[in-house]
């Protein structure tokens, strides 16, 4: 329907000027009007541009893909159209392109005009869209991975995902004069650029760091240089910018289409108490023991009650002694620490989003007294609940 409509418009506007050609030669000058209904249709457009260097390509982009029009800039296309087609806009572009061809001047609908309408990012829109689809599990076959090589080197396709949250400790009510998100990404790039390819995505309310660590490592924990660099970045951000990061780290996956699993693991890790460092939580540190997983679920569901080890052990038919020993081995923390840390994690939203008093928060989260809650909070988080409430959450948008 749209094809016949366009042919009719052309005949009406410039009769006997254009000839429909289904298979032009590479030397001929043709105008390709190509529909962009799927993100990877841009790959076909790039192929057309390569095979027909003397021709003009005009993509017609579906409304739901307008975010991808920045790719037209990268491909040096002279014009594009957005669905639904409008006769006057279509004919105006055709006339201008035809004049450009005749006069060898791109007098209108220039790349400058197009670029002024599209926000510029550090990364390619096509690359970012591909990585989002990879994280969401929307890449369904290896062919799409191969096609991605036109804008993303195979060496840059991530094999591990870091999920980052954080806050800024604004001291003495002084205004923050920098964009925390940009500072974080810049510092990571400065320290990791010569060690491993990395990309960033603002995903939901998190910042995702997608990295490709050396293939000789099956775990980020085993990459000593990487861990050391990560700790350096965390401490530098804290020292120089008062930025405190909290990172969940997924597993390493060699198959590109499995990177979504690393993201899922990073999310799970981020929600659990850390083993060694409050700022870093590895998925592989989470217990895989089915009975202990049930015990941890029991703790999370009853954190606001007076939990004792014998009750939790009984819930999975373990003796308290055996449960205590196995729990420490599998989680890296003893039972009392783990419960206290879980309670602290559960209270964070109440401090950040609500005006509840410390007394109310402590009473509703299983702590005997407000003072005990405050002491425990400072022990694990490093600052008091009141100070934490005054920090500024970093919003990754």
Protein backbone atom coordinates (compact mmCIF):
# COMPACT_ATOMS: atom_id res chain seq x y z
CA UNK A 1 0.00 0.00 0.00
CA UNK A 2 2.76 2.49 0.95
CA UNK A 3 4.82 1.53 -2.10
CA UNK A 4 1.96 2.20 -4.52
CA UNK A 5 1.17 5.39 -2.66
CA UNK A 6 4.74 6.66 -3.05
CA UNK A 7 4.83 5.76 -6.75
CA UNK A 8 1.60 7.70 -7.23
CA UNK A 9 2.98 10.73 -5.42
CA UNK A 10 6.16 10.65 -7.54
CA UNK A 11 4.23 10.45 -10.82
CA UNK A 12 2.06 13.33 -9.73
CA UNK A 13 4.96 15.51 -8.59
CA UNK A 14 7.75 14.66 -11.06
CA UNK A 15 6.17 12.75 -13.96
CA UNK A 16 8.47 10.67 -16.18
CA UNK A 17 11.44 11.44 -13.98
CA UNK A 18 11.82 8.21 -12.02
CA UNK A 19 11.84 4.60 -13.20
CA UNK A 20 11.12 1.72 -10.84
CA UNK A 21 14.11 -0.60 -10.80
CA UNK A 22 14.18 -3.79 -8.77
CA UNK A 23 17.85 -4.65 -9.32
CA UNK A 24 20.04 -1.63 -10.22
CA UNK A 25 23.73 -2.07 -10.95
CA UNK A 26 26.32 -0.86 -8.48
CA UNK A 27 27.26 1.98 -10.86
CA UNK A 28 23.75 3.31 -11.34
CA UNK A 29 22.32 6.09 -9.23
CA UNK A 30 19.20 4.89 -7.49
CA UNK A 31 17.08 6.03 -4.58
CA UNK A 32 16.38 3.21 -2.15
CA UNK A 33 13.42 3.78 0.13
CA UNK A 34 13.87 1.15 2.84
CA UNK A 35 11.53 0.35 5.73
CA UNK A 36 13.02 0.08 9.23
CA UNK A 37 10.60 -2.14 11.15
CA UNK A 38 13.23 -3.96 13.22
CA UNK A 39 16.44 -2.69 14.73
CA UNK A 40 18.61 -4.94 12.59
CA UNK A 41 17.09 -3.54 9.40
CA UNK A 42 19.78 -0.89 9.83
CA UNK A 43 22.35 -3.61 9.07
CA UNK A 44 20.66 -4.16 5.71
CA UNK A 45 20.73 -0.43 5.08
CA UNK A 46 24.46 -0.41 5.75
CA UNK A 47 24.85 -3.32 3.32
CA UNK A 48 22.90 -1.41 0.66
CA UNK A 49 25.15 1.60 1.15
CA UNK A 50 28.22 -0.56 0.67
CA UNK A 51 26.89 -2.37 -2.41
CA UNK A 52 25.48 0.77 -4.07
CA UNK A 53 27.92 3.58 -3.22
CA UNK A 54 26.51 5.98 -5.84
CA UNK A 55 22.94 5.66 -4.65
CA UNK A 56 20.80 7.50 -2.13
CA UNK A 57 19.14 5.60 0.70
CA UNK A 58 16.10 6.97 2.51
CA UNK A 59 15.01 4.88 5.51
CA UNK A 60 11.39 4.98 6.65
CA UNK A 61 11.53 4.40 10.38
CA UNK A 62 8.71 2.89 12.41
CA UNK A 63 7.58 5.07 15.33
CA UNK A 64 8.74 2.62 17.99
CA UNK A 65 12.29 2.74 16.57
CA UNK A 66 12.73 6.51 16.37
CA UNK A 67 15.30 6.29 19.17
CA UNK A 68 17.61 4.55 16.67
CA UNK A 69 17.67 7.31 14.04
CA UNK A 70 21.11 8.38 15.25
CA UNK A 71 22.39 5.47 13.17
CA UNK A 72 21.50 7.50 10.08
CA UNK A 73 24.17 10.01 11.12
CA UNK A 74 26.79 7.29 11.44
CA UNK A 75 25.87 5.98 7.99
CA UNK A 76 26.00 9.50 6.49
CA UNK A 77 22.48 9.22 5.10
CA UNK A 78 21.11 12.43 3.63
CA UNK A 79 17.52 12.04 4.83
CA UNK A 80 15.04 9.84 6.61
CA UNK A 81 11.29 9.60 7.06
CA UNK A 82 9.19 8.65 10.07
CA UNK A 83 6.00 6.63 9.78
CA UNK A 84 3.20 7.32 9.09
CA UNK A 85 4.21 8.83 5.75
CA UNK A 86 3.01 12.31 4.96
CA UNK A 87 2.77 13.29 1.30
CA UNK A 88 4.19 16.78 1.59
CA UNK A 89 7.21 15.70 3.67
CA UNK A 90 7.89 12.78 1.36
CA UNK A 91 7.76 14.92 -1.79
CA UNK A 92 9.82 17.69 -0.21
CA UNK A 93 12.61 15.26 0.59
CA UNK A 94 12.42 13.68 -2.88
CA UNK A 95 12.67 17.08 -4.54
CA UNK A 96 15.63 18.10 -2.41
CA UNK A 97 17.45 14.84 -2.99
CA UNK A 98 16.79 15.07 -6.70
CA UNK A 99 18.10 18.63 -6.74
CA UNK A 100 21.12 17.54 -4.75
CA UNK A 101 21.83 14.83 -7.28
CA UNK A 102 21.47 17.27 -10.15
CA UNK A 103 23.50 20.06 -8.63
CA UNK A 104 25.89 17.90 -6.62
CA UNK A 105 24.89 19.90 -3.57
CA UNK A 106 23.09 18.61 -0.50
CA UNK A 107 21.35 21.95 -0.05
CA UNK A 108 18.69 20.74 2.37
CA UNK A 109 18.00 17.90 4.75
CA UNK A 110 21.72 17.87 5.49
CA UNK A 111 23.46 15.71 8.04
CA UNK A 112 24.05 18.85 10.10
CA UNK A 113 20.31 19.49 10.30
CA UNK A 114 19.67 15.86 11.14
CA UNK A 115 22.41 15.73 13.78
CA UNK A 116 21.02 18.82 15.50
CA UNK A 117 17.79 16.94 16.12
CA UNK A 118 19.44 13.89 17.66
CA UNK A 119 21.17 13.89 21.06
CA UNK A 120 24.80 12.83 20.96
CA UNK A 121 26.10 10.11 23.25
CA UNK A 122 29.53 8.66 23.87
CA UNK A 123 28.32 5.35 22.47
CA UNK A 124 26.62 4.40 19.25
CA UNK A 125 22.80 4.23 19.52
CA UNK A 126 22.95 0.98 17.59
CA UNK A 127 25.54 -0.45 19.96
CA UNK A 128 23.52 0.59 23.00
CA UNK A 129 20.31 -0.87 21.57
CA UNK A 130 22.07 -4.16 20.86
CA UNK A 131 23.47 -4.36 24.40
CA UNK A 132 20.03 -3.68 25.87
CA UNK A 133 18.55 -6.51 23.82
CA UNK A 134 21.40 -8.75 24.94
CA UNK A 135 20.72 -8.00 28.61
CA UNK A 136 16.97 -8.54 28.17
CA UNK A 137 17.53 -11.90 26.49
CA UNK A 138 16.04 -10.70 23.21
CA UNK A 139 18.94 -11.90 21.05
CA UNK A 140 17.59 -15.19 19.78
CA UNK A 141 20.27 -16.53 17.46
CA UNK A 142 23.98 -16.38 16.65
CA UNK A 143 23.26 -14.61 13.36
CA UNK A 144 22.34 -11.47 15.26
CA UNK A 145 25.64 -11.67 17.14
CA UNK A 146 27.49 -11.94 13.82
CA UNK A 147 25.55 -8.99 12.40
CA UNK A 148 26.54 -6.94 15.45
CA UNK A 149 30.14 -7.06 14.29
CA UNK A 150 29.32 -4.20 11.91
CA UNK A 151 29.22 -1.80 14.87
CA UNK A 152 30.63 -3.76 17.83
CA UNK A 153 33.82 -5.78 17.72
CA UNK A 154 33.47 -9.37 18.89
CA UNK A 155 36.18 -8.62 21.43
CA UNK A 156 33.89 -5.97 22.93
CA UNK A 157 30.82 -8.15 23.44
CA UNK A 158 30.61 -8.47 27.25
CA UNK A 159 30.97 -11.71 29.18
CA UNK A 160 30.14 -10.34 32.64
CA UNK A 161 27.75 -7.77 34.12
CA UNK A 162 28.18 -5.49 37.14
CA UNK A 163 25.07 -3.88 38.66
CA UNK A 164 25.92 -0.57 40.31
CA UNK A 165 24.01 1.52 42.84
CA UNK A 166 25.33 4.29 45.01
CA UNK A 167 24.91 7.51 46.89
CA UNK A 168 26.74 10.80 47.33
CA UNK A 169 27.63 11.89 50.83
CA UNK A 170 27.03 15.64 50.54
CA UNK A 171 29.13 17.01 53.38
CA UNK A 172 28.03 20.07 55.36
CA UNK A 173 25.12 20.72 53.02
CA UNK A 174 27.51 21.82 50.24
CA UNK A 175 25.99 21.57 46.75
CA UNK A 176 27.18 18.80 44.42
CA UNK A 177 28.82 20.46 41.44
CA UNK A 178 29.23 17.40 39.24
CA UNK A 179 27.17 14.71 37.56
CA UNK A 180 27.84 11.62 39.69
CA UNK A 181 26.90 9.20 36.92
CA UNK A 182 29.38 10.76 34.48
CA UNK A 183 32.10 10.82 37.12
CA UNK A 184 31.60 7.10 37.80
CA UNK A 185 31.75 6.08 34.14
CA UNK A 186 34.77 8.30 33.46
CA UNK A 187 36.75 6.94 36.41
CA UNK A 188 35.98 3.35 35.42
CA UNK A 189 37.09 4.04 31.85
CA UNK A 190 40.30 5.68 33.00
CA UNK A 191 41.29 2.67 35.08
CA UNK A 192 39.96 -0.22 32.97
CA UNK A 193 40.37 1.01 29.38
CA UNK A 194 43.77 -0.65 28.98
CA UNK A 195 42.69 -3.85 30.74
CA UNK A 196 39.30 -4.87 29.33
CA UNK A 197 36.66 -3.52 26.90
CA UNK A 198 33.69 -2.08 28.80
CA UNK A 199 30.35 -0.40 28.15
CA UNK A 200 27.73 1.26 30.35
CA UNK A 201 23.94 1.15 30.29
CA UNK A 202 21.46 3.06 32.40
CA UNK A 203 19.09 0.17 32.96
CA UNK A 204 15.93 0.61 35.00
CA UNK A 205 17.28 2.50 38.03
CA UNK A 206 20.71 0.93 37.93
CA UNK A 207 23.96 1.54 36.12
CA UNK A 208 25.17 -1.59 34.37
CA UNK A 209 28.86 -2.04 33.67
CA UNK A 210 29.28 -4.60 30.90
CA UNK A 211 32.81 -5.88 30.62
CA UNK A 212 34.74 -8.49 28.69
CA UNK A 213 37.39 -9.82 31.04
CA UNK A 214 40.30 -11.91 29.68
CA UNK A 215 39.08 -15.30 28.47
CA UNK A 216 41.57 -17.11 30.71
CA UNK A 217 39.43 -16.26 33.77
CA UNK A 218 36.18 -18.03 34.58
CA UNK A 219 35.47 -15.68 37.49
CA UNK A 220 36.12 -12.01 38.10
CA UNK A 221 37.35 -12.93 41.59
CA UNK A 222 40.20 -14.91 40.02
CA UNK A 223 41.37 -11.92 37.97
CA UNK A 224 43.65 -10.30 40.55
CA UNK A 225 44.44 -7.24 38.44
CA UNK A 226 40.75 -6.64 37.78
CA UNK A 227 39.75 -6.94 41.44
CA UNK A 228 42.59 -4.64 42.52
CA UNK A 229 41.57 -2.06 39.91
CA UNK A 230 37.92 -2.27 40.98
CA UNK A 231 38.84 -1.66 44.61
CA UNK A 232 41.00 1.29 43.52
CA UNK A 233 38.08 2.81 41.62
CA UNK A 234 35.73 2.38 44.58
CA UNK A 235 38.16 4.00 47.00
CA UNK A 236 39.04 6.83 44.61
CA UNK A 237 35.37 7.72 44.08
CA UNK A 238 34.81 7.68 47.82
CA UNK A 239 37.88 9.77 48.62
CA UNK A 240 37.71 12.38 45.86
CA UNK A 241 33.98 12.66 45.18
CA UNK A 242 32.24 11.26 48.29
CA UNK A 243 30.60 8.71 45.98
CA UNK A 244 29.88 5.36 47.64
CA UNK A 245 29.23 2.44 45.28
CA UNK A 246 27.52 -0.87 45.97
CA UNK A 247 28.06 -3.44 43.25
CA UNK A 248 26.54 -6.83 42.47
CA UNK A 249 28.76 -8.94 40.19
CA UNK A 250 27.43 -11.78 38.05
CA UNK A 251 29.25 -14.78 36.66
CA UNK A 252 31.35 -14.99 33.50
CA UNK A 253 29.61 -16.45 30.44
CA UNK A 254 31.51 -17.35 27.29
CA UNK A 255 28.36 -17.60 25.15
CA UNK A 256 27.17 -14.12 24.22
CA UNK A 257 23.47 -14.96 24.46
CA UNK A 258 23.99 -16.04 28.09
CA UNK A 259 25.12 -12.61 29.25
CA UNK A 260 21.53 -12.02 30.39
CA UNK A 261 22.21 -14.65 33.07
CA UNK A 262 25.13 -12.61 34.37
CA UNK A 263 22.80 -9.62 34.71
CA UNK A 264 20.23 -11.71 36.59
CA UNK A 265 22.96 -13.00 38.90
CA UNK A 266 24.30 -9.49 39.52
CA UNK A 267 20.82 -8.39 40.62
CA UNK A 268 20.52 -11.29 43.05
CA UNK A 269 23.99 -10.67 44.44
CA UNK A 270 23.29 -6.98 44.97
CA UNK A 271 20.39 -7.80 47.31
CA UNK A 272 22.37 -10.12 49.60
CA UNK A 273 24.80 -9.39 52.46
CA UNK A 274 28.43 -9.23 51.25
CA UNK A 275 31.08 -11.62 52.48
CA UNK A 276 34.19 -9.43 52.77
CA UNK A 277 33.65 -5.95 51.34
CA UNK A 278 30.47 -3.94 51.81
CA UNK A 279 30.88 -2.44 48.34
CA UNK A 280 31.18 -5.70 46.38
CA UNK A 281 28.88 -8.71 46.27
CA UNK A 282 29.66 -11.71 44.06
CA UNK A 283 26.94 -14.04 42.86
CA UNK A 284 29.28 -16.98 43.24
CA UNK A 285 29.48 -16.24 46.98
CA UNK A 286 25.77 -17.01 47.33
CA UNK A 287 25.09 -20.49 48.59
CA UNK A 288 23.84 -23.09 46.12
CA UNK A 289 22.82 -25.43 48.94
CA UNK A 290 19.06 -25.91 48.51
CA UNK A 291 18.27 -26.30 52.21
CA UNK A 292 20.28 -23.23 53.16
CA UNK A 293 18.57 -21.27 50.41
CA UNK A 294 15.30 -22.15 52.11
CA UNK A 295 16.74 -21.00 55.44
CA UNK A 296 17.82 -17.68 53.91
CA UNK A 297 14.35 -17.22 52.44
CA UNK A 298 12.93 -17.91 55.92
CA UNK A 299 15.21 -15.21 57.37
CA UNK A 300 14.13 -12.69 54.75
CA UNK A 301 10.46 -13.42 55.33
CA UNK A 302 10.73 -13.24 59.15
CA UNK A 303 13.47 -10.62 59.58
CA UNK A 304 11.13 -8.39 61.58
CA UNK A 305 10.61 -11.11 64.20
CA UNK A 306 12.86 -12.30 67.01
CA UNK A 307 14.83 -14.88 65.04
CA UNK A 308 16.90 -17.47 66.87
CA UNK A 309 19.15 -20.01 65.22
CA UNK A 310 17.29 -23.06 66.56
CA UNK A 311 14.02 -21.92 64.94
CA UNK A 312 15.62 -21.36 61.54
CA UNK A 313 17.50 -24.67 61.74
CA UNK A 314 14.27 -26.42 62.65
CA UNK A 315 12.54 -24.93 59.60
CA UNK A 316 14.83 -27.03 57.36
CA UNK A 317 15.13 -30.03 59.74
CA UNK A 318 18.76 -29.34 60.73
CA UNK A 319 20.26 -29.45 64.17
CA UNK A 320 21.39 -26.00 65.42
CA UNK A 321 25.03 -27.11 65.62
CA UNK A 322 25.18 -28.54 62.11
CA UNK A 323 23.19 -25.60 60.72
CA UNK A 324 25.48 -23.03 62.35
CA UNK A 325 28.64 -24.64 60.98
CA UNK A 326 27.24 -25.11 57.47
CA UNK A 327 25.69 -21.62 57.39
CA UNK A 328 29.05 -19.95 58.11
CA UNK A 329 30.79 -22.09 55.51
CA UNK A 330 28.24 -21.38 52.77
CA UNK A 331 27.51 -17.69 53.37
CA UNK A 332 30.81 -16.44 54.78
CA UNK A 333 29.02 -14.95 57.81
CA UNK A 334 27.77 -16.35 61.07
CA UNK A 335 24.04 -16.50 61.68
CA UNK A 336 23.82 -13.41 63.92
CA UNK A 337 25.77 -11.22 61.47
CA UNK A 338 23.75 -12.42 58.51
CA UNK A 339 20.42 -11.70 60.22
CA UNK A 340 21.60 -8.25 61.34
CA UNK A 341 22.83 -7.40 57.86
CA UNK A 342 19.57 -8.59 56.29
CA UNK A 343 17.62 -6.36 58.66
CA UNK A 344 19.83 -3.38 57.80
CA UNK A 345 19.24 -3.93 54.07
CA UNK A 346 15.48 -4.09 54.65
CA UNK A 347 15.50 -0.72 56.44
CA UNK A 348 17.30 1.24 53.71
CA UNK A 349 14.14 2.13 51.72
CA UNK A 350 12.47 3.42 54.89
CA UNK A 351 15.38 5.75 55.56
CA UNK A 352 15.59 6.95 51.98
CA UNK A 353 11.93 7.29 50.97
CA UNK A 354 9.94 7.85 54.15
CA UNK A 355 10.04 10.12 57.20
CA UNK A 356 9.73 7.30 59.72
CA UNK A 357 11.54 7.87 62.98
CA UNK A 358 14.56 5.75 63.89
CA UNK A 359 12.47 4.32 66.73
CA UNK A 360 9.74 3.16 64.37
CA UNK A 361 12.18 1.72 61.84
CA UNK A 362 14.15 -0.20 64.45
CA UNK A 363 11.00 -1.59 66.07
CA UNK A 364 9.56 -2.75 62.75
CA UNK A 365 12.75 -4.46 61.60
CA UNK A 366 13.50 -6.75 64.54
CA UNK A 367 15.95 -4.62 66.54
CA UNK A 368 15.38 -4.46 70.28
CA UNK A 369 16.20 -0.76 70.71
CA UNK A 370 16.87 2.28 68.47
CA UNK A 371 20.36 2.53 69.93
CA UNK A 372 21.18 -1.08 69.03
CA UNK A 373 19.86 -0.47 65.53
CA UNK A 374 22.01 2.65 65.10
CA UNK A 375 25.14 0.91 66.39
CA UNK A 376 24.55 -2.10 64.13
CA UNK A 377 23.85 0.14 61.14
CA UNK A 378 27.09 2.08 61.61
CA UNK A 379 29.03 -1.15 62.10
CA UNK A 380 28.00 -2.53 58.72
CA UNK A 381 27.36 0.59 56.62
CA UNK A 382 30.02 2.86 58.06
CA UNK A 383 27.74 5.79 58.88
CA UNK A 384 24.74 6.29 61.17
CA UNK A 385 21.13 5.87 59.95
CA UNK A 386 20.62 9.64 60.25
CA UNK A 387 23.70 10.38 58.15
CA UNK A 388 22.61 7.82 55.57
CA UNK A 389 19.21 9.48 55.37
CA UNK A 390 20.95 12.75 54.48
CA UNK A 391 22.93 11.25 51.60
CA UNK A 392 21.78 11.66 48.01
CA UNK A 393 20.91 8.56 46.02
CA UNK A 394 22.47 8.48 42.56
CA UNK A 395 19.74 8.17 39.95
CA UNK A 396 20.95 6.55 36.75
CA UNK A 397 18.65 7.77 33.96
